[in-house]
Amino acid sequence: SKNNFANSLITLNSNKTYNQKQLIQNLINIGYHRVDTVQTVGDFSVRGDIVDVFNFCDEVPTRIDFFDDEIENIYQFSV
């Protein structure tokens, strides 16, 4: 439903504070699968301060670089 879709959106911005553990839990709650290395849509992986997410709406995954609870960079990369 539209309501479920709206509740599943996660908005992140560089240089903003966002709890990495909360992000991981939110990804799990909306149906993403934790893997060692992202390969397909719906995957996410965590390596230290880096979270890779293969979004359902994108053709390539997105990398989120954290420093503590601050997001330093967000960018897309090729698998």
N, C-alpha and C. Protein backbone atom coordinates (compact mmCIF):
# COMPACT_ATOMS: atom_id res chain seq x y z
N SER A 1 0.84 -1.19 0.00
CA SER A 1 0.00 0.00 0.00
C SER A 1 0.88 1.25 0.00
N LYS A 2 0.28 2.37 -0.32
CA LYS A 2 1.01 3.63 -0.30
C LYS A 2 1.56 3.93 1.08
N ASN A 3 0.79 3.61 2.10
CA ASN A 3 1.21 3.88 3.47
C ASN A 3 2.42 3.03 3.84
N ASN A 4 2.41 1.75 3.48
CA ASN A 4 3.56 0.88 3.76
C ASN A 4 4.80 1.35 3.02
N PHE A 5 4.62 1.77 1.77
CA PHE A 5 5.74 2.28 0.99
C PHE A 5 6.33 3.53 1.64
N ALA A 6 5.48 4.45 2.02
CA ALA A 6 5.93 5.70 2.64
C ALA A 6 6.67 5.41 3.95
N ASN A 7 6.20 4.43 4.71
CA ASN A 7 6.85 4.09 5.98
C ASN A 7 8.18 3.39 5.79
N SER A 8 8.45 2.85 4.59
CA SER A 8 9.68 2.12 4.36
C SER A 8 10.80 3.00 3.79
N LEU A 9 10.51 4.25 3.49
CA LEU A 9 11.53 5.13 2.93
C LEU A 9 12.54 5.54 4.00
N ILE A 10 13.80 5.53 3.61
CA ILE A 10 14.89 5.97 4.49
C ILE A 10 15.60 7.11 3.78
N THR A 11 15.64 8.26 4.40
CA THR A 11 16.29 9.42 3.81
C THR A 11 17.60 9.69 4.55
N LEU A 12 18.70 9.72 3.80
CA LEU A 12 20.02 9.95 4.38
C LEU A 12 20.68 11.10 3.64
N ASN A 13 21.47 11.88 4.35
CA ASN A 13 22.22 12.99 3.77
C ASN A 13 23.64 13.00 4.33
N SER A 14 24.59 13.36 3.48
CA SER A 14 25.97 13.51 3.94
C SER A 14 26.05 14.60 5.00
N ASN A 15 27.02 14.44 5.90
CA ASN A 15 27.28 15.39 6.98
C ASN A 15 26.11 15.52 7.95
N LYS A 16 25.28 14.49 8.03
CA LYS A 16 24.18 14.45 8.99
C LYS A 16 24.40 13.25 9.90
N THR A 17 23.81 13.29 11.06
CA THR A 17 23.91 12.22 12.04
C THR A 17 22.81 11.19 11.78
N TYR A 18 23.22 9.91 11.76
CA TYR A 18 22.27 8.81 11.62
C TYR A 18 22.91 7.59 12.26
N ASN A 19 22.22 6.95 13.16
CA ASN A 19 22.75 5.80 13.86
C ASN A 19 22.89 4.61 12.91
N GLN A 20 24.12 4.12 12.73
CA GLN A 20 24.38 3.03 11.80
C GLN A 20 23.61 1.76 12.19
N LYS A 21 23.55 1.45 13.47
CA LYS A 21 22.82 0.26 13.91
C LYS A 21 21.33 0.39 13.61
N GLN A 22 20.80 1.59 13.75
CA GLN A 22 19.39 1.81 13.43
C GLN A 22 19.14 1.66 11.93
N LEU A 23 20.09 2.14 11.11
CA LEU A 23 19.98 1.97 9.66
C LEU A 23 19.94 0.49 9.30
N ILE A 24 20.82 -0.30 9.89
CA ILE A 24 20.86 -1.73 9.62
C ILE A 24 19.53 -2.38 10.00
N GLN A 25 19.01 -2.05 11.16
CA GLN A 25 17.73 -2.62 11.61
C GLN A 25 16.60 -2.19 10.68
N ASN A 26 16.61 -0.93 10.24
CA ASN A 26 15.57 -0.46 9.32
C ASN A 26 15.63 -1.21 7.99
N LEU A 27 16.84 -1.46 7.48
CA LEU A 27 16.99 -2.21 6.24
C LEU A 27 16.41 -3.62 6.38
N ILE A 28 16.71 -4.27 7.49
CA ILE A 28 16.18 -5.61 7.74
C ILE A 28 14.66 -5.57 7.83
N ASN A 29 14.13 -4.59 8.54
CA ASN A 29 12.68 -4.47 8.73
C ASN A 29 11.92 -4.29 7.42
N ILE A 30 12.54 -3.65 6.42
CA ILE A 30 11.83 -3.43 5.17
C ILE A 30 12.17 -4.46 4.10
N GLY A 31 12.93 -5.50 4.49
CA GLY A 31 13.09 -6.64 3.61
C GLY A 31 14.43 -6.79 2.91
N TYR A 32 15.42 -5.98 3.25
CA TYR A 32 16.75 -6.16 2.67
C TYR A 32 17.43 -7.35 3.33
N HIS A 33 18.37 -7.98 2.60
CA HIS A 33 19.08 -9.16 3.09
C HIS A 33 20.55 -8.81 3.32
N ARG A 34 21.05 -9.12 4.52
CA ARG A 34 22.45 -8.86 4.83
C ARG A 34 23.33 -9.95 4.22
N VAL A 35 24.33 -9.51 3.45
CA VAL A 35 25.26 -10.42 2.78
C VAL A 35 26.68 -9.91 2.99
N ASP A 36 27.67 -10.73 2.60
CA ASP A 36 29.06 -10.30 2.72
C ASP A 36 29.40 -9.21 1.70
N THR A 37 28.92 -9.38 0.46
CA THR A 37 29.18 -8.43 -0.61
C THR A 37 27.91 -8.26 -1.43
N VAL A 38 27.47 -7.02 -1.63
CA VAL A 38 26.25 -6.80 -2.40
C VAL A 38 26.45 -7.24 -3.84
N GLN A 39 25.46 -7.95 -4.36
CA GLN A 39 25.49 -8.43 -5.74
C GLN A 39 24.19 -8.11 -6.47
N THR A 40 23.08 -8.17 -5.75
CA THR A 40 21.78 -8.01 -6.39
C THR A 40 20.91 -7.04 -5.59
N VAL A 41 19.87 -6.59 -6.25
CA VAL A 41 18.90 -5.68 -5.63
C VAL A 41 18.36 -6.33 -4.35
N GLY A 42 18.27 -5.55 -3.29
CA GLY A 42 17.76 -6.03 -2.02
C GLY A 42 18.84 -6.49 -1.06
N ASP A 43 20.10 -6.47 -1.48
CA ASP A 43 21.23 -6.83 -0.62
C ASP A 43 21.76 -5.61 0.12
N PHE A 44 22.33 -5.85 1.30
CA PHE A 44 23.16 -4.84 1.95
C PHE A 44 24.28 -5.54 2.68
N SER A 45 25.39 -4.83 2.85
CA SER A 45 26.52 -5.39 3.59
C SER A 45 27.11 -4.30 4.48
N VAL A 46 27.79 -4.76 5.52
CA VAL A 46 28.40 -3.84 6.49
C VAL A 46 29.84 -4.27 6.68
N ARG A 47 30.74 -3.34 6.51
CA ARG A 47 32.16 -3.57 6.77
C ARG A 47 32.69 -2.37 7.54
N GLY A 48 32.75 -2.52 8.84
CA GLY A 48 33.21 -1.41 9.68
C GLY A 48 32.28 -0.23 9.57
N ASP A 49 32.82 0.91 9.13
CA ASP A 49 32.04 2.14 9.01
C ASP A 49 31.40 2.31 7.64
N ILE A 50 31.39 1.25 6.83
CA ILE A 50 30.84 1.32 5.48
C ILE A 50 29.61 0.42 5.39
N VAL A 51 28.53 0.99 4.86
CA VAL A 51 27.31 0.22 4.59
C VAL A 51 27.04 0.34 3.10
N ASP A 52 26.97 -0.81 2.42
CA ASP A 52 26.62 -0.86 1.00
C ASP A 52 25.18 -1.34 0.90
N VAL A 53 24.39 -0.66 0.06
CA VAL A 53 22.98 -1.00 -0.10
C VAL A 53 22.67 -1.05 -1.59
N PHE A 54 22.08 -2.16 -2.04
CA PHE A 54 21.63 -2.25 -3.42
C PHE A 54 20.13 -1.99 -3.40
N ASN A 55 19.80 -0.73 -3.64
CA ASN A 55 18.45 -0.21 -3.57
C ASN A 55 17.56 -0.84 -4.64
N PHE A 56 16.30 -0.98 -4.35
CA PHE A 56 15.34 -1.52 -5.30
C PHE A 56 15.11 -0.60 -6.50
N CYS A 57 15.45 0.67 -6.37
CA CYS A 57 15.18 1.65 -7.43
C CYS A 57 16.41 1.99 -8.27
N ASP A 58 17.57 1.44 -7.96
CA ASP A 58 18.80 1.82 -8.65
C ASP A 58 19.40 0.64 -9.40
N GLU A 59 20.22 0.96 -10.40
CA GLU A 59 20.88 -0.07 -11.19
C GLU A 59 22.24 -0.47 -10.62
N VAL A 60 22.77 0.34 -9.71
CA VAL A 60 24.04 0.06 -9.03
C VAL A 60 23.86 0.32 -7.54
N PRO A 61 24.69 -0.31 -6.71
CA PRO A 61 24.57 -0.11 -5.26
C PRO A 61 25.08 1.25 -4.80
N THR A 62 24.72 1.59 -3.59
CA THR A 62 25.12 2.85 -2.95
C THR A 62 25.98 2.53 -1.75
N ARG A 63 27.05 3.29 -1.58
CA ARG A 63 27.93 3.14 -0.42
C ARG A 63 27.72 4.32 0.51
N ILE A 64 27.58 4.01 1.80
CA ILE A 64 27.40 5.03 2.83
C ILE A 64 28.59 4.91 3.77
N ASP A 65 29.41 5.97 3.84
CA ASP A 65 30.59 6.01 4.71
C ASP A 65 30.24 6.75 5.99
N PHE A 66 30.38 6.07 7.11
CA PHE A 66 30.12 6.67 8.41
C PHE A 66 31.42 7.03 9.10
N PHE A 67 31.37 8.04 9.94
CA PHE A 67 32.39 8.33 10.94
C PHE A 67 31.61 8.48 12.24
N ASP A 68 31.69 7.49 13.11
CA ASP A 68 30.81 7.38 14.27
C ASP A 68 29.37 7.36 13.76
N ASP A 69 28.54 8.32 14.18
CA ASP A 69 27.16 8.38 13.72
C ASP A 69 26.95 9.46 12.67
N GLU A 70 28.01 9.99 12.12
CA GLU A 70 27.88 11.00 11.07
C GLU A 70 28.16 10.36 9.71
N ILE A 71 27.32 10.67 8.75
CA ILE A 71 27.52 10.17 7.39
C ILE A 71 28.48 11.11 6.69
N GLU A 72 29.66 10.59 6.32
CA GLU A 72 30.66 11.40 5.65
C GLU A 72 30.40 11.50 4.16
N ASN A 73 30.09 10.37 3.50
CA ASN A 73 29.88 10.34 2.06
C ASN A 73 28.80 9.34 1.71
N ILE A 74 28.09 9.65 0.64
CA ILE A 74 27.14 8.73 0.03
C ILE A 74 27.40 8.77 -1.47
N TYR A 75 27.67 7.60 -2.06
CA TYR A 75 27.93 7.58 -3.49
C TYR A 75 27.60 6.21 -4.06
N GLN A 76 27.35 6.16 -5.34
CA GLN A 76 27.08 4.90 -6.01
C GLN A 76 28.38 4.33 -6.58
N PHE A 77 28.43 3.00 -6.70
CA PHE A 77 29.62 2.35 -7.22
C PHE A 77 29.22 1.15 -8.06
N SER A 78 30.15 0.67 -8.86
CA SER A 78 29.90 -0.48 -9.72
C SER A 78 30.27 -1.76 -8.99
N VAL A 79 29.42 -2.77 -9.13
CA VAL A 79 29.71 -4.08 -8.53
C VAL A 79 30.88 -4.66 -9.26
